[in-house]
Protein backbone atom coordinates (compact mmCIF):
# COMPACT_ATOMS: atom_id res chain seq x y z
CA UNK A 1 67.56 81.17 -116.74
CA UNK A 2 69.62 83.88 -118.39
CA UNK A 3 72.73 85.47 -116.94
CA UNK A 4 70.79 88.40 -115.45
CA UNK A 5 68.37 85.98 -113.80
CA UNK A 6 71.28 84.09 -112.28
CA UNK A 7 72.71 87.33 -110.92
CA UNK A 8 69.40 88.27 -109.34
CA UNK A 9 69.02 84.81 -107.84
CA UNK A 10 72.54 85.00 -106.41
CA UNK A 11 71.84 88.39 -104.87
CA UNK A 12 68.60 87.16 -103.32
CA UNK A 13 70.32 84.13 -101.78
CA UNK A 14 73.15 86.32 -100.48
CA UNK A 15 70.63 88.70 -98.90
CA UNK A 16 68.81 85.78 -97.28
CA UNK A 17 72.09 84.35 -95.97
CA UNK A 18 73.03 87.76 -94.58
CA UNK A 19 69.67 88.11 -92.87
CA UNK A 20 69.90 84.65 -91.32
CA UNK A 21 73.52 84.93 -90.22
CA UNK A 22 73.93 88.53 -89.13
CA UNK A 23 70.52 89.66 -88.01
CA UNK A 24 69.46 89.56 -84.41
CA UNK A 25 65.96 88.81 -85.66
CA UNK A 26 64.40 85.40 -85.36
CA UNK A 27 63.13 83.86 -88.59
CA UNK A 28 59.57 84.29 -87.34
CA UNK A 29 60.21 88.04 -87.08
CA UNK A 30 61.34 88.57 -90.66
CA UNK A 31 59.46 85.81 -92.47
CA UNK A 32 56.08 87.53 -92.47
CA UNK A 33 57.26 90.81 -94.07
CA UNK A 34 59.39 88.93 -96.60
CA UNK A 35 56.72 86.40 -97.53
CA UNK A 36 54.06 89.12 -97.67
CA UNK A 37 56.17 91.11 -100.13
CA UNK A 38 56.98 88.24 -102.50
CA UNK A 39 53.60 88.14 -104.29
CA UNK A 40 53.91 91.88 -105.02
CA UNK A 41 57.38 91.32 -106.46
CA UNK A 42 56.09 88.48 -108.62
CA UNK A 43 53.29 90.65 -110.03
CA UNK A 44 55.74 93.44 -110.91
CA UNK A 45 58.18 90.95 -112.43
CA UNK A 46 55.47 89.44 -114.63
CA UNK A 47 54.45 92.91 -115.87
CA UNK A 48 58.03 93.78 -116.79
CA UNK A 49 58.58 90.42 -118.44
CA UNK A 50 55.35 90.79 -120.45
CA UNK A 51 56.41 94.25 -121.64
CA UNK A 52 59.89 92.98 -122.52
CA UNK A 53 58.65 90.10 -124.65
CA UNK A 54 55.93 92.01 -126.52
């Protein structure tokens, strides 16, 4: 993974750690919105990546 990919991955892990440690929400309360949103993010990422490598 390139440097930018590593930075994004680090930010995602930091956000997840922040949510787990400092949120008063239970994992069952935030997992559904997060997991529901991931496929949409993946679709957008693939579109951008396809445009970038054309």
